[in-house]
Amino acid sequence: LRAIDMINPLDHCFEEAAQAGVTSVVCG
């Protein structure tokens, strides 16, 4: 299984991450 096939990059939590200065994440 690959994380690239499960992540929705349109999830609004990515916006919250940018708000807090988080620019890179390791995800799986």
PDB file of all heavy atoms in Angstrom:
ATOM      1  N   LEU A   1       0.839  -1.190   0.000  1.00  0.00           N
ATOM      2  CA  LEU A   1       0.000   0.000   0.000  1.00  0.00           C
ATOM      3  C   LEU A   1       0.882   1.250   0.000  1.00  0.00           C
ATOM      4  O   LEU A   1       1.931   1.285   0.620  1.00  0.00           O
ATOM      5  CB  LEU A   1      -0.914   0.016   1.221  1.00  0.00           C
ATOM      6  CG  LEU A   1      -1.919  -1.136   1.340  1.00  0.00           C
ATOM      7  CD1 LEU A   1      -2.838  -0.909   2.533  1.00  0.00           C
ATOM      8  CD2 LEU A   1      -2.751  -1.271   0.069  1.00  0.00           C
ATOM      9  N   ARG A   2       0.417   2.284  -0.709  1.00  0.00           N
ATOM     10  CA  ARG A   2       1.192   3.514  -0.851  1.00  0.00           C
ATOM     11  C   ARG A   2       0.394   4.703  -0.356  1.00  0.00           C
ATOM     12  O   ARG A   2      -0.766   4.897  -0.751  1.00  0.00           O
ATOM     13  CB  ARG A   2       1.581   3.728  -2.311  1.00  0.00           C
ATOM     14  CG  ARG A   2       2.374   2.570  -2.923  1.00  0.00           C
ATOM     15  CD  ARG A   2       2.667   2.807  -4.386  1.00  0.00           C
ATOM     16  NE  ARG A   2       3.359   1.665  -4.988  1.00  0.00           N
ATOM     17  CZ  ARG A   2       3.774   1.616  -6.241  1.00  0.00           C
ATOM     18  NH1 ARG A   2       3.564   2.680  -7.044  1.00  0.00           N
ATOM     19  NH2 ARG A   2       4.392   0.536  -6.701  1.00  0.00           N
ATOM     20  N   ALA A   3       1.020   5.532   0.461  1.00  0.00           N
ATOM     21  CA  ALA A   3       0.343   6.700   1.015  1.00  0.00           C
ATOM     22  C   ALA A   3      -0.145   7.654  -0.073  1.00  0.00           C
ATOM     23  O   ALA A   3      -1.165   8.319   0.091  1.00  0.00           O
ATOM     24  CB  ALA A   3       1.272   7.438   1.971  1.00  0.00           C
ATOM     25  N   ILE A   4       0.553   7.718  -1.192  1.00  0.00           N
ATOM     26  CA  ILE A   4       0.161   8.634  -2.257  1.00  0.00           C
ATOM     27  C   ILE A   4      -1.249   8.354  -2.760  1.00  0.00           C
ATOM     28  O   ILE A   4      -1.920   9.246  -3.284  1.00  0.00           O
ATOM     29  CB  ILE A   4       1.171   8.572  -3.423  1.00  0.00           C
ATOM     30  CG1 ILE A   4       0.986   9.765  -4.354  1.00  0.00           C
ATOM     31  CG2 ILE A   4       1.076   7.245  -4.167  1.00  0.00           C
ATOM     32  CD1 ILE A   4       2.079   9.892  -5.409  1.00  0.00           C
ATOM     33  N   ASP A   5      -1.723   7.124  -2.575  1.00  0.00           N
ATOM     34  CA  ASP A   5      -3.047   6.743  -3.061  1.00  0.00           C
ATOM     35  C   ASP A   5      -4.155   6.975  -2.040  1.00  0.00           C
ATOM     36  O   ASP A   5      -5.318   6.652  -2.321  1.00  0.00           O
ATOM     37  CB  ASP A   5      -3.044   5.268  -3.480  1.00  0.00           C
ATOM     38  CG  ASP A   5      -2.080   4.971  -4.612  1.00  0.00           C
ATOM     39  OD1 ASP A   5      -1.945   5.805  -5.517  1.00  0.00           O
ATOM     40  OD2 ASP A   5      -1.434   3.895  -4.582  1.00  0.00           O
ATOM     41  N   MET A   6      -3.833   7.503  -0.872  1.00  0.00           N
ATOM     42  CA  MET A   6      -4.844   7.664   0.173  1.00  0.00           C
ATOM     43  C   MET A   6      -5.078   9.117   0.575  1.00  0.00           C
ATOM     44  O   MET A   6      -6.094   9.441   1.190  1.00  0.00           O
ATOM     45  CB  MET A   6      -4.446   6.874   1.432  1.00  0.00           C
ATOM     46  CG  MET A   6      -3.439   7.533   2.306  1.00  0.00           C
ATOM     47  SD  MET A   6      -3.088   6.689   3.841  1.00  0.00           S
ATOM     48  CE  MET A   6      -2.071   7.954   4.640  1.00  0.00           C
ATOM     49  N   ILE A   7      -4.163  10.017   0.229  1.00  0.00           N
ATOM     50  CA  ILE A   7      -4.204  11.388   0.737  1.00  0.00           C
ATOM     51  C   ILE A   7      -5.052  12.270  -0.169  1.00  0.00           C
ATOM     52  O   ILE A   7      -4.876  12.284  -1.390  1.00  0.00           O
ATOM     53  CB  ILE A   7      -2.780  11.965   0.842  1.00  0.00           C
ATOM     54  CG1 ILE A   7      -1.947  11.127   1.815  1.00  0.00           C
ATOM     55  CG2 ILE A   7      -2.820  13.425   1.294  1.00  0.00           C
ATOM     56  CD1 ILE A   7      -0.466  11.431   1.751  1.00  0.00           C
ATOM     57  N   ASN A   8      -5.944  13.031   0.448  1.00  0.00           N
ATOM     58  CA  ASN A   8      -6.711  14.047  -0.265  1.00  0.00           C
ATOM     59  C   ASN A   8      -6.031  15.395  -0.052  1.00  0.00           C
ATOM     60  O   ASN A   8      -6.169  15.997   1.015  1.00  0.00           O
ATOM     61  CB  ASN A   8      -8.155  14.101   0.232  1.00  0.00           C
ATOM     62  CG  ASN A   8      -8.966  15.182  -0.463  1.00  0.00           C
ATOM     63  OD1 ASN A   8      -8.524  15.786  -1.447  1.00  0.00           O
ATOM     64  ND2 ASN A   8     -10.166  15.448   0.042  1.00  0.00           N
ATOM     65  N   PRO A   9      -5.308  15.925  -1.052  1.00  0.00           N
ATOM     66  CA  PRO A   9      -4.587  17.186  -0.859  1.00  0.00           C
ATOM     67  C   PRO A   9      -5.509  18.395  -0.748  1.00  0.00           C
ATOM     68  O   PRO A   9      -5.037  19.494  -0.439  1.00  0.00           O
ATOM     69  CB  PRO A   9      -3.703  17.278  -2.103  1.00  0.00           C
ATOM     70  CG  PRO A   9      -4.396  16.464  -3.126  1.00  0.00           C
ATOM     71  CD  PRO A   9      -5.095  15.361  -2.394  1.00  0.00           C
ATOM     72  N   LEU A  10      -6.819  18.203  -0.966  1.00  0.00           N
ATOM     73  CA  LEU A  10      -7.782  19.287  -0.832  1.00  0.00           C
ATOM     74  C   LEU A  10      -8.397  19.349   0.557  1.00  0.00           C
ATOM     75  O   LEU A  10      -9.271  20.182   0.819  1.00  0.00           O
ATOM     76  CB  LEU A  10      -8.885  19.154  -1.886  1.00  0.00           C
ATOM     77  CG  LEU A  10      -8.415  19.071  -3.343  1.00  0.00           C
ATOM     78  CD1 LEU A  10      -9.596  19.068  -4.294  1.00  0.00           C
ATOM     79  CD2 LEU A  10      -7.466  20.224  -3.678  1.00  0.00           C
ATOM     80  N   ASP A  11      -7.978  18.450   1.444  1.00  0.00           N
ATOM     81  CA  ASP A  11      -8.421  18.496   2.836  1.00  0.00           C
ATOM     82  C   ASP A  11      -8.050  19.859   3.424  1.00  0.00           C
ATOM     83  O   ASP A  11      -6.907  20.310   3.304  1.00  0.00           O
ATOM     84  CB  ASP A  11      -7.741  17.362   3.611  1.00  0.00           C
ATOM     85  CG  ASP A  11      -8.149  17.296   5.082  1.00  0.00           C
ATOM     86  OD1 ASP A  11      -9.032  18.073   5.500  1.00  0.00           O
ATOM     87  OD2 ASP A  11      -7.572  16.471   5.800  1.00  0.00           O
ATOM     88  N   HIS A  12      -8.997  20.536   4.059  1.00  0.00           N
ATOM     89  CA  HIS A  12      -8.746  21.885   4.559  1.00  0.00           C
ATOM     90  C   HIS A  12      -7.694  21.920   5.663  1.00  0.00           C
ATOM     91  O   HIS A  12      -7.166  22.994   5.984  1.00  0.00           O
ATOM     92  CB  HIS A  12     -10.048  22.528   5.042  1.00  0.00           C
ATOM     93  CG  HIS A  12     -10.501  22.051   6.390  1.00  0.00           C
ATOM     94  ND1 HIS A  12     -10.278  22.746   7.516  1.00  0.00           N
ATOM     95  CD2 HIS A  12     -11.149  20.945   6.791  1.00  0.00           C
ATOM     96  CE1 HIS A  12     -10.780  22.097   8.565  1.00  0.00           C
ATOM     97  NE2 HIS A  12     -11.308  21.005   8.142  1.00  0.00           N
ATOM     98  N   CYS A  13      -7.340  20.786   6.243  1.00  0.00           N
ATOM     99  CA  CYS A  13      -6.298  20.753   7.268  1.00  0.00           C
ATOM    100  C   CYS A  13      -4.942  21.176   6.715  1.00  0.00           C
ATOM    101  O   CYS A  13      -4.078  21.633   7.478  1.00  0.00           O
ATOM    102  CB  CYS A  13      -6.209  19.369   7.897  1.00  0.00           C
ATOM    103  SG  CYS A  13      -7.652  18.934   8.906  1.00  0.00           S
ATOM    104  N   PHE A  14      -4.733  21.033   5.412  1.00  0.00           N
ATOM    105  CA  PHE A  14      -3.498  21.522   4.818  1.00  0.00           C
ATOM    106  C   PHE A  14      -3.413  23.046   4.917  1.00  0.00           C
ATOM    107  O   PHE A  14      -2.324  23.593   5.086  1.00  0.00           O
ATOM    108  CB  PHE A  14      -3.391  21.074   3.355  1.00  0.00           C
ATOM    109  CG  PHE A  14      -3.038  19.623   3.191  1.00  0.00           C
ATOM    110  CD1 PHE A  14      -3.993  18.700   2.809  1.00  0.00           C
ATOM    111  CD2 PHE A  14      -1.749  19.184   3.418  1.00  0.00           C
ATOM    112  CE1 PHE A  14      -3.674  17.360   2.659  1.00  0.00           C
ATOM    113  CE2 PHE A  14      -1.414  17.845   3.267  1.00  0.00           C
ATOM    114  CZ  PHE A  14      -2.388  16.935   2.894  1.00  0.00           C
ATOM    115  N   GLU A  15      -4.529  23.722   4.804  1.00  0.00           N
ATOM    116  CA  GLU A  15      -4.543  25.163   4.973  1.00  0.00           C
ATOM    117  C   GLU A  15      -4.178  25.546   6.404  1.00  0.00           C
ATOM    118  O   GLU A  15      -3.438  26.504   6.640  1.00  0.00           O
ATOM    119  CB  GLU A  15      -5.920  25.730   4.614  1.00  0.00           C
ATOM    120  CG  GLU A  15      -6.325  25.516   3.166  1.00  0.00           C
ATOM    121  CD  GLU A  15      -7.691  26.085   2.863  1.00  0.00           C
ATOM    122  OE1 GLU A  15      -8.216  26.858   3.691  1.00  0.00           O
ATOM    123  OE2 GLU A  15      -8.244  25.767   1.800  1.00  0.00           O
ATOM    124  N   GLU A  16      -4.695  24.815   7.371  1.00  0.00           N
ATOM    125  CA  GLU A  16      -4.360  25.067   8.764  1.00  0.00           C
ATOM    126  C   GLU A  16      -2.879  24.849   9.022  1.00  0.00           C
ATOM    127  O   GLU A  16      -2.263  25.561   9.822  1.00  0.00           O
ATOM    128  CB  GLU A  16      -5.197  24.171   9.667  1.00  0.00           C
ATOM    129  CG  GLU A  16      -6.682  24.458   9.606  1.00  0.00           C
ATOM    130  CD  GLU A  16      -7.495  23.547  10.495  1.00  0.00           C
ATOM    131  OE1 GLU A  16      -7.008  22.468  10.872  1.00  0.00           O
ATOM    132  OE2 GLU A  16      -8.632  23.908  10.817  1.00  0.00           O
ATOM    133  N   ALA A  17      -2.301  23.866   8.355  1.00  0.00           N
ATOM    134  CA  ALA A  17      -0.871  23.619   8.494  1.00  0.00           C
ATOM    135  C   ALA A  17      -0.072  24.827   8.018  1.00  0.00           C
ATOM    136  O   ALA A  17       0.849  25.292   8.700  1.00  0.00           O
ATOM    137  CB  ALA A  17      -0.472  22.373   7.707  1.00  0.00           C
ATOM    138  N   ALA A  18      -0.429  25.357   6.845  1.00  0.00           N
ATOM    139  CA  ALA A  18       0.265  26.532   6.316  1.00  0.00           C
ATOM    140  C   ALA A  18       0.100  27.726   7.243  1.00  0.00           C
ATOM    141  O   ALA A  18       1.023  28.526   7.425  1.00  0.00           O
ATOM    142  CB  ALA A  18      -0.263  26.864   4.919  1.00  0.00           C
ATOM    143  N   GLN A  19      -1.075  27.876   7.836  1.00  0.00           N
ATOM    144  CA  GLN A  19      -1.327  28.958   8.776  1.00  0.00           C
ATOM    145  C   GLN A  19      -0.340  28.923   9.936  1.00  0.00           C
ATOM    146  O   GLN A  19       0.104  29.973  10.414  1.00  0.00           O
ATOM    147  CB  GLN A  19      -2.756  28.866   9.316  1.00  0.00           C
ATOM    148  CG  GLN A  19      -3.079  29.888  10.398  1.00  0.00           C
ATOM    149  CD  GLN A  19      -4.452  29.686  11.006  1.00  0.00           C
ATOM    150  OE1 GLN A  19      -5.154  28.769  10.651  1.00  0.00           O
ATOM    151  NE2 GLN A  19      -4.839  30.530  11.915  1.00  0.00           N
ATOM    152  N   ALA A  20       0.016  27.754  10.381  1.00  0.00           N
ATOM    153  CA  ALA A  20       0.928  27.597  11.519  1.00  0.00           C
ATOM    154  C   ALA A  20       2.385  27.516  11.109  1.00  0.00           C
ATOM    155  O   ALA A  20       3.249  27.279  11.960  1.00  0.00           O
ATOM    156  CB  ALA A  20       0.547  26.355  12.315  1.00  0.00           C
ATOM    157  N   GLY A  21       2.674  27.691   9.819  1.00  0.00           N
ATOM    158  CA  GLY A  21       4.049  27.658   9.363  1.00  0.00           C
ATOM    159  C   GLY A  21       4.574  26.273   9.026  1.00  0.00           C
ATOM    160  O   GLY A  21       5.765  26.112   8.754  1.00  0.00           O
ATOM    161  N   VAL A  22       3.693  25.258   9.038  1.00  0.00           N
ATOM    162  CA  VAL A  22       4.107  23.899   8.689  1.00  0.00           C
ATOM    163  C   VAL A  22       4.050  23.767   7.175  1.00  0.00           C
ATOM    164  O   VAL A  22       2.977  23.766   6.576  1.00  0.00           O
ATOM    165  CB  VAL A  22       3.208  22.842   9.353  1.00  0.00           C
ATOM    166  CG1 VAL A  22       3.690  21.439   8.995  1.00  0.00           C
ATOM    167  CG2 VAL A  22       3.184  23.028  10.867  1.00  0.00           C
ATOM    168  N   THR A  23       5.194  23.640   6.536  1.00  0.00           N
ATOM    169  CA  THR A  23       5.268  23.628   5.077  1.00  0.00           C
ATOM    170  C   THR A  23       5.543  22.250   4.494  1.00  0.00           C
ATOM    171  O   THR A  23       5.296  22.023   3.308  1.00  0.00           O
ATOM    172  CB  THR A  23       6.345  24.604   4.578  1.00  0.00           C
ATOM    173  OG1 THR A  23       7.596  24.290   5.213  1.00  0.00           O
ATOM    174  CG2 THR A  23       5.956  26.038   4.909  1.00  0.00           C
ATOM    175  N   SER A  24       6.064  21.333   5.309  1.00  0.00           N
ATOM    176  CA  SER A  24       6.375  19.984   4.839  1.00  0.00           C
ATOM    177  C   SER A  24       5.901  18.964   5.863  1.00  0.00           C
ATOM    178  O   SER A  24       6.039  19.185   7.072  1.00  0.00           O
ATOM    179  CB  SER A  24       7.877  19.803   4.597  1.00  0.00           C
ATOM    180  OG  SER A  24       8.375  20.734   3.654  1.00  0.00           O
ATOM    181  N   VAL A  25       5.362  17.847   5.382  1.00  0.00           N
ATOM    182  CA  VAL A  25       4.898  16.783   6.268  1.00  0.00           C
ATOM    183  C   VAL A  25       5.318  15.433   5.705  1.00  0.00           C
ATOM    184  O   VAL A  25       5.399  15.245   4.491  1.00  0.00           O
ATOM    185  CB  VAL A  25       3.362  16.797   6.449  1.00  0.00           C
ATOM    186  CG1 VAL A  25       2.920  18.026   7.226  1.00  0.00           C
ATOM    187  CG2 VAL A  25       2.644  16.741   5.099  1.00  0.00           C
ATOM    188  N   VAL A  26       5.589  14.507   6.603  1.00  0.00           N
ATOM    189  CA  VAL A  26       5.773  13.104   6.247  1.00  0.00           C
ATOM    190  C   VAL A  26       4.487  12.400   6.628  1.00  0.00           C
ATOM    191  O   VAL A  26       4.040  12.481   7.769  1.00  0.00           O
ATOM    192  CB  VAL A  26       6.981  12.492   6.959  1.00  0.00           C
ATOM    193  CG1 VAL A  26       7.066  10.993   6.680  1.00  0.00           C
ATOM    194  CG2 VAL A  26       8.271  13.195   6.520  1.00  0.00           C
ATOM    195  N   CYS A  27       3.877  11.736   5.664  1.00  0.00           N
ATOM    196  CA  CYS A  27       2.506  11.271   5.836  1.00  0.00           C
ATOM    197  C   CYS A  27       2.366   9.821   5.380  1.00  0.00           C
ATOM    198  O   CYS A  27       3.000   9.386   4.419  1.00  0.00           O
ATOM    199  CB  CYS A  27       1.562  12.168   5.031  1.00  0.00           C
ATOM    200  SG  CYS A  27      -0.185  11.784   5.237  1.00  0.00           S
ATOM    201  N   GLY A  28       1.503   9.093   6.094  1.00  0.00           N
ATOM    202  CA  GLY A  28       1.243   7.715   5.705  1.00  0.00           C
ATOM    203  C   GLY A  28       0.074   7.122   6.446  1.00  0.00           C
ATOM    204  O   GLY A  28      -0.682   7.815   7.127  1.00  0.00           O
TER     205      GLY A  28
END
